Amino acid sequence: MSYATQADIDARYPGELAQAGPRDADNQLDAAAIALACGWASATVDRTLRAIGWATPLAETPVWVTDLTVDLALYQATPTALASQPDFADRRARYQAALEQLAAIAQGK
């Protein structure tokens, strides 16, 4: 189960995937790559929640879980050549903040 979708990313950060998201052979947004990034991000959240004793996947997704998943997935979906550019430092910062928040949750904070 994925806690975020392409639509969630677009809703939270309008236009960011269009600006720098994964592209398919026809230069269209690669929905499969975005779904893969959302799945990876959801699994990352699940690992943290299981570490503190929560049963996963969650039956209902709290907004804060979707928010963390979106920040993780958007960065993961950003092509590597773009992710390292200064224009995308905010994506990396949100990604790092999400990882830090998950680490704090795992530590019981």
PDB file of N, CA and C in Angstrom:
ATOM      1  N   MET A   1       0.842  -1.181   0.000  1.00  0.00           N
ATOM      2  CA  MET A   1       0.000   0.000   0.000  1.00  0.00           C
ATOM      3  C   MET A   1       0.887   1.243   0.000  1.00  0.00           C
ATOM      4  N   SER A   2       0.545   2.180  -0.845  1.00  0.00           N
ATOM      5  CA  SER A   2       1.310   3.418  -0.925  1.00  0.00           C
ATOM      6  C   SER A   2       0.569   4.515  -0.169  1.00  0.00           C
ATOM      7  N   TYR A   3       1.301   5.279   0.616  1.00  0.00           N
ATOM      8  CA  TYR A   3       0.706   6.362   1.400  1.00  0.00           C
ATOM      9  C   TYR A   3       0.617   7.678   0.623  1.00  0.00           C
ATOM     10  N   ALA A   4       1.161   7.679  -0.585  1.00  0.00           N
ATOM     11  CA  ALA A   4       1.102   8.879  -1.433  1.00  0.00           C
ATOM     12  C   ALA A   4       1.045   8.446  -2.885  1.00  0.00           C
ATOM     13  N   THR A   5       0.484   9.305  -3.700  1.00  0.00           N
ATOM     14  CA  THR A   5       0.366   9.060  -5.136  1.00  0.00           C
ATOM     15  C   THR A   5       0.902  10.268  -5.898  1.00  0.00           C
ATOM     16  N   GLN A   6       0.955  10.128  -7.197  1.00  0.00           N
ATOM     17  CA  GLN A   6       1.346  11.261  -8.038  1.00  0.00           C
ATOM     18  C   GLN A   6       0.411  12.434  -7.798  1.00  0.00           C
ATOM     19  N   ALA A   7      -0.875  12.154  -7.634  1.00  0.00           N
ATOM     20  CA  ALA A   7      -1.844  13.225  -7.376  1.00  0.00           C
ATOM     21  C   ALA A   7      -1.549  13.936  -6.058  1.00  0.00           C
ATOM     22  N   ASP A   8      -1.108  13.188  -5.045  1.00  0.00           N
ATOM     23  CA  ASP A   8      -0.748  13.812  -3.766  1.00  0.00           C
ATOM     24  C   ASP A   8       0.456  14.737  -3.932  1.00  0.00           C
ATOM     25  N   ILE A   9       1.448  14.294  -4.714  1.00  0.00           N
ATOM     26  CA  ILE A   9       2.625  15.130  -4.956  1.00  0.00           C
ATOM     27  C   ILE A   9       2.199  16.404  -5.674  1.00  0.00           C
ATOM     28  N   ASP A  10       1.383  16.239  -6.719  1.00  0.00           N
ATOM     29  CA  ASP A  10       0.919  17.405  -7.482  1.00  0.00           C
ATOM     30  C   ASP A  10       0.094  18.357  -6.631  1.00  0.00           C
ATOM     31  N   ALA A  11      -0.705  17.817  -5.722  1.00  0.00           N
ATOM     32  CA  ALA A  11      -1.536  18.666  -4.864  1.00  0.00           C
ATOM     33  C   ALA A  11      -0.684  19.468  -3.886  1.00  0.00           C
ATOM     34  N   ARG A  12       0.338  18.832  -3.340  1.00  0.00           N
ATOM     35  CA  ARG A  12       1.168  19.515  -2.351  1.00  0.00           C
ATOM     36  C   ARG A  12       2.179  20.459  -3.003  1.00  0.00           C
ATOM     37  N   TYR A  13       2.722  20.044  -4.129  1.00  0.00           N
ATOM     38  CA  TYR A  13       3.745  20.838  -4.818  1.00  0.00           C
ATOM     39  C   TYR A  13       3.364  20.970  -6.294  1.00  0.00           C
ATOM     40  N   PRO A  14       2.378  21.799  -6.599  1.00  0.00           N
ATOM     41  CA  PRO A  14       1.907  21.924  -7.983  1.00  0.00           C
ATOM     42  C   PRO A  14       3.036  22.285  -8.949  1.00  0.00           C
ATOM     43  N   GLY A  15       3.112  21.533 -10.024  1.00  0.00           N
ATOM     44  CA  GLY A  15       4.070  21.823 -11.078  1.00  0.00           C
ATOM     45  C   GLY A  15       5.471  21.282 -10.869  1.00  0.00           C
ATOM     46  N   GLU A  16       5.782  20.783  -9.688  1.00  0.00           N
ATOM     47  CA  GLU A  16       7.166  20.345  -9.459  1.00  0.00           C
ATOM     48  C   GLU A  16       7.517  19.091 -10.238  1.00  0.00           C
ATOM     49  N   LEU A  17       6.593  18.157 -10.359  1.00  0.00           N
ATOM     50  CA  LEU A  17       6.885  16.979 -11.174  1.00  0.00           C
ATOM     51  C   LEU A  17       7.017  17.368 -12.641  1.00  0.00           C
ATOM     52  N   ALA A  18       6.158  18.267 -13.103  1.00  0.00           N
ATOM     53  CA  ALA A  18       6.237  18.718 -14.493  1.00  0.00           C
ATOM     54  C   ALA A  18       7.572  19.411 -14.754  1.00  0.00           C
ATOM     55  N   GLN A  19       8.059  20.130 -13.752  1.00  0.00           N
ATOM     56  CA  GLN A  19       9.323  20.853 -13.883  1.00  0.00           C
ATOM     57  C   GLN A  19      10.500  19.888 -13.944  1.00  0.00           C
ATOM     58  N   ALA A  20      10.496  18.901 -13.088  1.00  0.00           N
ATOM     59  CA  ALA A  20      11.639  17.987 -13.015  1.00  0.00           C
ATOM     60  C   ALA A  20      11.229  16.657 -12.419  1.00  0.00           C
ATOM     61  N   GLY A  21      10.453  15.932 -13.177  1.00  0.00           N
ATOM     62  CA  GLY A  21      10.075  14.587 -12.778  1.00  0.00           C
ATOM     63  C   GLY A  21      10.641  13.599 -13.771  1.00  0.00           C
ATOM     64  N   PRO A  22      10.543  12.326 -13.475  1.00  0.00           N
ATOM     65  CA  PRO A  22      11.066  11.327 -14.403  1.00  0.00           C
ATOM     66  C   PRO A  22      10.271  11.323 -15.703  1.00  0.00           C
ATOM     67  N   ARG A  23      10.947  11.107 -16.806  1.00  0.00           N
ATOM     68  CA  ARG A  23      10.319  11.129 -18.130  1.00  0.00           C
ATOM     69  C   ARG A  23      10.430   9.757 -18.792  1.00  0.00           C
ATOM     70  N   ASP A  24       9.408   9.428 -19.564  1.00  0.00           N
ATOM     71  CA  ASP A  24       9.436   8.187 -20.328  1.00  0.00           C
ATOM     72  C   ASP A  24      10.030   8.446 -21.714  1.00  0.00           C
ATOM     73  N   ALA A  25       9.986   7.441 -22.586  1.00  0.00           N
ATOM     74  CA  ALA A  25      10.578   7.551 -23.920  1.00  0.00           C
ATOM     75  C   ALA A  25       9.907   8.623 -24.774  1.00  0.00           C
ATOM     76  N   ASP A  26       8.650   8.955 -24.456  1.00  0.00           N
ATOM     77  CA  ASP A  26       7.930   9.992 -25.197  1.00  0.00           C
ATOM     78  C   ASP A  26       8.042  11.366 -24.539  1.00  0.00           C
ATOM     79  N   ASN A  27       8.942  11.485 -23.563  1.00  0.00           N
ATOM     80  CA  ASN A  27       9.166  12.722 -22.810  1.00  0.00           C
ATOM     81  C   ASN A  27       7.943  13.155 -22.005  1.00  0.00           C
ATOM     82  N   GLN A  28       7.120  12.200 -21.640  1.00  0.00           N
ATOM     83  CA  GLN A  28       5.979  12.439 -20.754  1.00  0.00           C
ATOM     84  C   GLN A  28       6.386  12.028 -19.342  1.00  0.00           C
ATOM     85  N   LEU A  29       5.692  12.569 -18.334  1.00  0.00           N
ATOM     86  CA  LEU A  29       5.979  12.119 -16.977  1.00  0.00           C
ATOM     87  C   LEU A  29       5.840  10.607 -16.915  1.00  0.00           C
ATOM     88  N   ASP A  30       6.792   9.967 -16.281  1.00  0.00           N
ATOM     89  CA  ASP A  30       6.811   8.508 -16.178  1.00  0.00           C
ATOM     90  C   ASP A  30       6.041   8.099 -14.925  1.00  0.00           C
ATOM     91  N   ALA A  31       4.758   7.790 -15.115  1.00  0.00           N
ATOM     92  CA  ALA A  31       3.883   7.449 -13.988  1.00  0.00           C
ATOM     93  C   ALA A  31       4.386   6.219 -13.245  1.00  0.00           C
ATOM     94  N   ALA A  32       4.968   5.264 -13.954  1.00  0.00           N
ATOM     95  CA  ALA A  32       5.480   4.056 -13.298  1.00  0.00           C
ATOM     96  C   ALA A  32       6.656   4.393 -12.376  1.00  0.00           C
ATOM     97  N   ALA A  33       7.546   5.270 -12.827  1.00  0.00           N
ATOM     98  CA  ALA A  33       8.684   5.669 -11.998  1.00  0.00           C
ATOM     99  C   ALA A  33       8.217   6.452 -10.771  1.00  0.00           C
ATOM    100  N   ILE A  34       7.202   7.275 -10.950  1.00  0.00           N
ATOM    101  CA  ILE A  34       6.661   8.042  -9.819  1.00  0.00           C
ATOM    102  C   ILE A  34       5.999   7.095  -8.836  1.00  0.00           C
ATOM    103  N   ALA A  35       5.249   6.119  -9.331  1.00  0.00           N
ATOM    104  CA  ALA A  35       4.618   5.132  -8.447  1.00  0.00           C
ATOM    105  C   ALA A  35       5.678   4.325  -7.702  1.00  0.00           C
ATOM    106  N   LEU A  36       6.775   3.994  -8.364  1.00  0.00           N
ATOM    107  CA  LEU A  36       7.872   3.280  -7.716  1.00  0.00           C
ATOM    108  C   LEU A  36       8.472   4.122  -6.591  1.00  0.00           C
ATOM    109  N   ALA A  37       8.666   5.413  -6.848  1.00  0.00           N
ATOM    110  CA  ALA A  37       9.192   6.312  -5.809  1.00  0.00           C
ATOM    111  C   ALA A  37       8.219   6.397  -4.633  1.00  0.00           C
ATOM    112  N   CYS A  38       6.928   6.457  -4.923  1.00  0.00           N
ATOM    113  CA  CYS A  38       5.921   6.491  -3.848  1.00  0.00           C
ATOM    114  C   CYS A  38       5.937   5.187  -3.052  1.00  0.00           C
ATOM    115  N   GLY A  39       6.110   4.070  -3.741  1.00  0.00           N
ATOM    116  CA  GLY A  39       6.194   2.780  -3.049  1.00  0.00           C
ATOM    117  C   GLY A  39       7.419   2.686  -2.165  1.00  0.00           C
ATOM    118  N   TRP A  40       8.566   3.154  -2.670  1.00  0.00           N
ATOM    119  CA  TRP A  40       9.787   3.153  -1.871  1.00  0.00           C
ATOM    120  C   TRP A  40       9.610   4.025  -0.629  1.00  0.00           C
ATOM    121  N   ALA A  41       9.048   5.218  -0.824  1.00  0.00           N
ATOM    122  CA  ALA A  41       8.848   6.135   0.299  1.00  0.00           C
ATOM    123  C   ALA A  41       7.893   5.531   1.329  1.00  0.00           C
ATOM    124  N   SER A  42       6.846   4.895   0.873  1.00  0.00           N
ATOM    125  CA  SER A  42       5.886   4.263   1.782  1.00  0.00           C
ATOM    126  C   SER A  42       6.550   3.142   2.579  1.00  0.00           C
ATOM    127  N   ALA A  43       7.392   2.360   1.917  1.00  0.00           N
ATOM    128  CA  ALA A  43       8.110   1.289   2.614  1.00  0.00           C
ATOM    129  C   ALA A  43       9.058   1.858   3.659  1.00  0.00           C
ATOM    130  N   THR A  44       9.671   2.988   3.361  1.00  0.00           N
ATOM    131  CA  THR A  44      10.556   3.653   4.319  1.00  0.00           C
ATOM    132  C   THR A  44       9.769   4.081   5.556  1.00  0.00           C
ATOM    133  N   VAL A  45       8.591   4.654   5.350  1.00  0.00           N
ATOM    134  CA  VAL A  45       7.727   5.041   6.473  1.00  0.00           C
ATOM    135  C   VAL A  45       7.300   3.804   7.249  1.00  0.00           C
ATOM    136  N   ASP A  46       6.895   2.742   6.550  1.00  0.00           N
ATOM    137  CA  ASP A  46       6.473   1.512   7.218  1.00  0.00           C
ATOM    138  C   ASP A  46       7.567   0.941   8.113  1.00  0.00           C
ATOM    139  N   ARG A  47       8.805   0.922   7.621  1.00  0.00           N
ATOM    140  CA  ARG A  47       9.914   0.396   8.441  1.00  0.00           C
ATOM    141  C   ARG A  47      10.037   1.160   9.752  1.00  0.00           C
ATOM    142  N   THR A  48       9.901   2.460   9.680  1.00  0.00           N
ATOM    143  CA  THR A  48       9.996   3.274  10.893  1.00  0.00           C
ATOM    144  C   THR A  48       8.845   2.980  11.838  1.00  0.00           C
ATOM    145  N   LEU A  49       7.640   2.924  11.305  1.00  0.00           N
ATOM    146  CA  LEU A  49       6.475   2.692  12.151  1.00  0.00           C
ATOM    147  C   LEU A  49       6.508   1.297  12.771  1.00  0.00           C
ATOM    148  N   ARG A  50       6.963   0.302  12.012  1.00  0.00           N
ATOM    149  CA  ARG A  50       7.089  -1.052  12.584  1.00  0.00           C
ATOM    150  C   ARG A  50       8.114  -1.070  13.706  1.00  0.00           C
ATOM    151  N   ALA A  51       9.163  -0.271  13.561  1.00  0.00           N
ATOM    152  CA  ALA A  51      10.216  -0.228  14.584  1.00  0.00           C
ATOM    153  C   ALA A  51       9.691   0.258  15.930  1.00  0.00           C
ATOM    154  N   ILE A  52       8.607   1.039  15.904  1.00  0.00           N
ATOM    155  CA  ILE A  52       8.039   1.523  17.172  1.00  0.00           C
ATOM    156  C   ILE A  52       6.770   0.757  17.542  1.00  0.00           C
ATOM    157  N   GLY A  53       6.538  -0.352  16.833  1.00  0.00           N
ATOM    158  CA  GLY A  53       5.450  -1.241  17.224  1.00  0.00           C
ATOM    159  C   GLY A  53       4.117  -1.051  16.526  1.00  0.00           C
ATOM    160  N   TRP A  54       4.074  -0.213  15.524  1.00  0.00           N
ATOM    161  CA  TRP A  54       2.816  -0.028  14.799  1.00  0.00           C
ATOM    162  C   TRP A  54       2.648  -1.158  13.789  1.00  0.00           C
ATOM    163  N   ALA A  55       1.418  -1.575  13.569  1.00  0.00           N
ATOM    164  CA  ALA A  55       1.115  -2.552  12.531  1.00  0.00           C
ATOM    165  C   ALA A  55       1.026  -1.812  11.197  1.00  0.00           C
ATOM    166  N   THR A  56       1.733  -2.337  10.225  1.00  0.00           N
ATOM    167  CA  THR A  56       1.715  -1.713   8.900  1.00  0.00           C
ATOM    168  C   THR A  56       1.366  -2.769   7.861  1.00  0.00           C
ATOM    169  N   PRO A  57       0.799  -2.356   6.744  1.00  0.00           N
ATOM    170  CA  PRO A  57       0.483  -0.988   6.361  1.00  0.00           C
ATOM    171  C   PRO A  57      -0.679  -0.442   7.188  1.00  0.00           C
ATOM    172  N   LEU A  58      -0.712   0.860   7.318  1.00  0.00           N
ATOM    173  CA  LEU A  58      -1.768   1.506   8.083  1.00  0.00           C
ATOM    174  C   LEU A  58      -3.106   1.351   7.370  1.00  0.00           C
ATOM    175  N   ALA A  59      -4.153   1.080   8.131  1.00  0.00           N
ATOM    176  CA  ALA A  59      -5.498   0.956   7.541  1.00  0.00           C
ATOM    177  C   ALA A  59      -5.987   2.306   7.028  1.00  0.00           C
ATOM    178  N   GLU A  60      -5.692   3.347   7.757  1.00  0.00           N
ATOM    179  CA  GLU A  60      -6.015   4.714   7.352  1.00  0.00           C
ATOM    180  C   GLU A  60      -4.729   5.527   7.406  1.00  0.00           C
ATOM    181  N   THR A  61      -4.578   6.413   6.453  1.00  0.00           N
ATOM    182  CA  THR A  61      -3.336   7.176   6.359  1.00  0.00           C
ATOM    183  C   THR A  61      -3.512   8.567   6.948  1.00  0.00           C
ATOM    184  N   PRO A  62      -2.839   8.847   8.081  1.00  0.00           N
ATOM    185  CA  PRO A  62      -2.885  10.206   8.621  1.00  0.00           C
ATOM    186  C   PRO A  62      -2.208  11.191   7.658  1.00  0.00           C
ATOM    187  N   VAL A  63      -2.629  12.425   7.709  1.00  0.00           N
ATOM    188  CA  VAL A  63      -2.076  13.451   6.816  1.00  0.00           C
ATOM    189  C   VAL A  63      -0.560  13.554   6.979  1.00  0.00           C
ATOM    190  N   TRP A  64      -0.060  13.469   8.196  1.00  0.00           N
ATOM    191  CA  TRP A  64       1.380  13.614   8.405  1.00  0.00           C
ATOM    192  C   TRP A  64       2.161  12.489   7.723  1.00  0.00           C
ATOM    193  N   VAL A  65       1.568  11.304   7.622  1.00  0.00           N
ATOM    194  CA  VAL A  65       2.235  10.202   6.925  1.00  0.00           C
ATOM    195  C   VAL A  65       2.285  10.498   5.422  1.00  0.00           C
ATOM    196  N   THR A  66       1.183  10.979   4.880  1.00  0.00           N
ATOM    197  CA  THR A  66       1.177  11.351   3.460  1.00  0.00           C
ATOM    198  C   THR A  66       2.192  12.459   3.197  1.00  0.00           C
ATOM    199  N   ASP A  67       2.248  13.448   4.070  1.00  0.00           N
ATOM    200  CA  ASP A  67       3.200  14.554   3.895  1.00  0.00           C
ATOM    201  C   ASP A  67       4.642  14.053   3.863  1.00  0.00           C
ATOM    202  N   LEU A  68       5.005  13.181   4.803  1.00  0.00           N
ATOM    203  CA  LEU A  68       6.364  12.629   4.821  1.00  0.00           C
ATOM    204  C   LEU A  68       6.633  11.813   3.559  1.00  0.00           C
ATOM    205  N   THR A  69       5.655  11.007   3.181  1.00  0.00           N
ATOM    206  CA  THR A  69       5.812  10.158   2.001  1.00  0.00           C
ATOM    207  C   THR A  69       5.980  10.988   0.742  1.00  0.00           C
ATOM    208  N   VAL A  70       5.214  12.056   0.614  1.00  0.00           N
ATOM    209  CA  VAL A  70       5.336  12.945  -0.550  1.00  0.00           C
ATOM    210  C   VAL A  70       6.738  13.551  -0.615  1.00  0.00           C
ATOM    211  N   ASP A  71       7.243  14.036   0.504  1.00  0.00           N
ATOM    212  CA  ASP A  71       8.573  14.653   0.490  1.00  0.00           C
ATOM    213  C   ASP A  71       9.663  13.647   0.127  1.00  0.00           C
ATOM    214  N   LEU A  72       9.533  12.426   0.619  1.00  0.00           N
ATOM    215  CA  LEU A  72      10.492  11.390   0.263  1.00  0.00           C
ATOM    216  C   LEU A  72      10.365  11.006  -1.209  1.00  0.00           C
ATOM    217  N   ALA A  73       9.140  10.800  -1.660  1.00  0.00           N
ATOM    218  CA  ALA A  73       8.905  10.333  -3.030  1.00  0.00           C
ATOM    219  C   ALA A  73       9.294  11.374  -4.074  1.00  0.00           C
ATOM    220  N   LEU A  74       8.987  12.635  -3.826  1.00  0.00           N
ATOM    221  CA  LEU A  74       9.321  13.666  -4.808  1.00  0.00           C
ATOM    222  C   LEU A  74      10.821  13.712  -5.052  1.00  0.00           C
ATOM    223  N   TYR A  75      11.600  13.641  -3.991  1.00  0.00           N
ATOM    224  CA  TYR A  75      13.051  13.670  -4.178  1.00  0.00           C
ATOM    225  C   TYR A  75      13.522  12.401  -4.887  1.00  0.00           C
ATOM    226  N   GLN A  76      12.982  11.248  -4.490  1.00  0.00           N
ATOM    227  CA  GLN A  76      13.370   9.998  -5.137  1.00  0.00           C
ATOM    228  C   GLN A  76      13.008   9.989  -6.620  1.00  0.00           C
ATOM    229  N   ALA A  77      11.933  10.666  -6.988  1.00  0.00           N
ATOM    230  CA  ALA A  77      11.490  10.710  -8.382  1.00  0.00           C
ATOM    231  C   ALA A  77      12.258  11.740  -9.210  1.00  0.00           C
ATOM    232  N   THR A  78      13.025  12.582  -8.562  1.00  0.00           N
ATOM    233  CA  THR A  78      13.792  13.607  -9.274  1.00  0.00           C
ATOM    234  C   THR A  78      14.993  12.956  -9.958  1.00  0.00           C
ATOM    235  N   PRO A  79      15.142  13.138 -11.264  1.00  0.00           N
ATOM    236  CA  PRO A  79      16.305  12.565 -11.934  1.00  0.00           C
ATOM    237  C   PRO A  79      17.603  12.996 -11.259  1.00  0.00           C
ATOM    238  N   THR A  80      18.517  12.066 -11.126  1.00  0.00           N
ATOM    239  CA  THR A  80      19.762  12.303 -10.400  1.00  0.00           C
ATOM    240  C   THR A  80      20.521  13.520 -10.918  1.00  0.00           C
ATOM    241  N   ALA A  81      20.564  13.687 -12.217  1.00  0.00           N
ATOM    242  CA  ALA A  81      21.298  14.821 -12.793  1.00  0.00           C
ATOM    243  C   ALA A  81      20.711  16.160 -12.351  1.00  0.00           C
ATOM    244  N   LEU A  82      19.417  16.185 -12.067  1.00  0.00           N
ATOM    245  CA  LEU A  82      18.775  17.423 -11.621  1.00  0.00           C
ATOM    246  C   LEU A  82      18.816  17.566 -10.103  1.00  0.00           C
ATOM    247  N   ALA A  83      18.706  16.465  -9.402  1.00  0.00           N
ATOM    248  CA  ALA A  83      18.618  16.512  -7.937  1.00  0.00           C
ATOM    249  C   ALA A  83      19.818  17.189  -7.297  1.00  0.00           C
ATOM    250  N   SER A  84      20.961  17.100  -7.956  1.00  0.00           N
ATOM    251  CA  SER A  84      22.177  17.693  -7.377  1.00  0.00           C
ATOM    252  C   SER A  84      22.343  19.172  -7.714  1.00  0.00           C
ATOM    253  N   GLN A  85      21.471  19.728  -8.547  1.00  0.00           N
ATOM    254  CA  GLN A  85      21.588  21.129  -8.938  1.00  0.00           C
ATOM    255  C   GLN A  85      21.015  22.048  -7.852  1.00  0.00           C
ATOM    256  N   PRO A  86      21.585  23.236  -7.711  1.00  0.00           N
ATOM    257  CA  PRO A  86      21.118  24.165  -6.684  1.00  0.00           C
ATOM    258  C   PRO A  86      19.620  24.494  -6.771  1.00  0.00           C
ATOM    259  N   ASP A  87      19.065  24.482  -7.974  1.00  0.00           N
ATOM    260  CA  ASP A  87      17.640  24.797  -8.127  1.00  0.00           C
ATOM    261  C   ASP A  87      16.740  23.815  -7.385  1.00  0.00           C
ATOM    262  N   PHE A  88      17.258  22.655  -7.086  1.00  0.00           N
ATOM    263  CA  PHE A  88      16.448  21.624  -6.441  1.00  0.00           C
ATOM    264  C   PHE A  88      16.884  21.351  -5.004  1.00  0.00           C
ATOM    265  N   ALA A  89      17.620  22.288  -4.428  1.00  0.00           N
ATOM    266  CA  ALA A  89      18.074  22.140  -3.046  1.00  0.00           C
ATOM    267  C   ALA A  89      16.904  22.050  -2.084  1.00  0.00           C
ATOM    268  N   ASP A  90      15.792  22.721  -2.406  1.00  0.00           N
ATOM    269  CA  ASP A  90      14.629  22.653  -1.524  1.00  0.00           C
ATOM    270  C   ASP A  90      14.051  21.245  -1.480  1.00  0.00           C
ATOM    271  N   ARG A  91      14.060  20.533  -2.591  1.00  0.00           N
ATOM    272  CA  ARG A  91      13.579  19.144  -2.585  1.00  0.00           C
ATOM    273  C   ARG A  91      14.445  18.283  -1.683  1.00  0.00           C
ATOM    274  N   ARG A  92      15.762  18.461  -1.808  1.00  0.00           N
ATOM    275  CA  ARG A  92      16.673  17.674  -0.973  1.00  0.00           C
ATOM    276  C   ARG A  92      16.486  18.041   0.499  1.00  0.00           C
ATOM    277  N   ALA A  93      16.288  19.301   0.794  1.00  0.00           N
ATOM    278  CA  ALA A  93      16.086  19.733   2.182  1.00  0.00           C
ATOM    279  C   ALA A  93      14.806  19.121   2.755  1.00  0.00           C
ATOM    280  N   ARG A  94      13.728  19.093   1.971  1.00  0.00           N
ATOM    281  CA  ARG A  94      12.482  18.486   2.449  1.00  0.00           C
ATOM    282  C   ARG A  94      12.654  16.981   2.629  1.00  0.00           C
ATOM    283  N   TYR A  95      13.405  16.355   1.735  1.00  0.00           N
ATOM    284  CA  TYR A  95      13.713  14.925   1.839  1.00  0.00           C
ATOM    285  C   TYR A  95      14.495  14.645   3.124  1.00  0.00           C
ATOM    286  N   GLN A  96      15.538  15.431   3.351  1.00  0.00           N
ATOM    287  CA  GLN A  96      16.351  15.258   4.564  1.00  0.00           C
ATOM    288  C   GLN A  96      15.522  15.497   5.820  1.00  0.00           C
ATOM    289  N   ALA A  97      14.662  16.515   5.791  1.00  0.00           N
ATOM    290  CA  ALA A  97      13.806  16.804   6.950  1.00  0.00           C
ATOM    291  C   ALA A  97      12.852  15.640   7.223  1.00  0.00           C
ATOM    292  N   ALA A  98      12.328  15.039   6.163  1.00  0.00           N
ATOM    293  CA  ALA A  98      11.433  13.879   6.335  1.00  0.00           C
ATOM    294  C   ALA A  98      12.192  12.710   6.956  1.00  0.00           C
ATOM    295  N   LEU A  99      13.415  12.458   6.477  1.00  0.00           N
ATOM    296  CA  LEU A  99      14.231  11.381   7.064  1.00  0.00           C
ATOM    297  C   LEU A  99      14.535  11.668   8.531  1.00  0.00           C
ATOM    298  N   GLU A 100      14.840  12.927   8.841  1.00  0.00           N
ATOM    299  CA  GLU A 100      15.119  13.299  10.234  1.00  0.00           C
ATOM    300  C   GLU A 100      13.890  13.118  11.106  1.00  0.00           C
ATOM    301  N   GLN A 101      12.728  13.461  10.573  1.00  0.00           N
ATOM    302  CA  GLN A 101      11.496  13.287  11.344  1.00  0.00           C
ATOM    303  C   GLN A 101      11.228  11.799  11.591  1.00  0.00           C
ATOM    304  N   LEU A 102      11.461  10.975  10.589  1.00  0.00           N
ATOM    305  CA  LEU A 102      11.289   9.533  10.769  1.00  0.00           C
ATOM    306  C   LEU A 102      12.271   8.991  11.810  1.00  0.00           C
ATOM    307  N   ALA A 103      13.498   9.483  11.782  1.00  0.00           N
ATOM    308  CA  ALA A 103      14.495   9.062  12.779  1.00  0.00           C
ATOM    309  C   ALA A 103      14.044   9.469  14.177  1.00  0.00           C
ATOM    310  N   ALA A 104      13.492  10.663  14.307  1.00  0.00           N
ATOM    311  CA  ALA A 104      13.000  11.117  15.614  1.00  0.00           C
ATOM    312  C   ALA A 104      11.829  10.243  16.082  1.00  0.00           C
ATOM    313  N   ILE A 105      10.958   9.890  15.171  1.00  0.00           N
ATOM    314  CA  ILE A 105       9.826   9.012  15.516  1.00  0.00           C
ATOM    315  C   ILE A 105      10.367   7.660  15.994  1.00  0.00           C
ATOM    316  N   ALA A 106      11.357   7.134  15.292  1.00  0.00           N
ATOM    317  CA  ALA A 106      11.946   5.843  15.671  1.00  0.00           C
ATOM    318  C   ALA A 106      12.579   5.903  17.046  1.00  0.00           C
ATOM    319  N   GLN A 107      13.061   7.080  17.445  1.00  0.00           N
ATOM    320  CA  GLN A 107      13.688   7.256  18.758  1.00  0.00           C
ATOM    321  C   GLN A 107      12.662   7.603  19.838  1.00  0.00           C
ATOM    322  N   GLY A 108      11.400   7.648  19.460  1.00  0.00           N
ATOM    323  CA  GLY A 108      10.336   7.933  20.420  1.00  0.00           C
ATOM    324  C   GLY A 108      10.148   9.396  20.730  1.00  0.00           C
ATOM    325  N   LYS A 109      10.650  10.265  19.888  1.00  0.00           N
ATOM    326  CA  LYS A 109      10.523  11.716  20.130  1.00  0.00           C
ATOM    327  C   LYS A 109       9.269  12.249  19.498  1.00  0.00           C
TER     328      LYS A 109
END
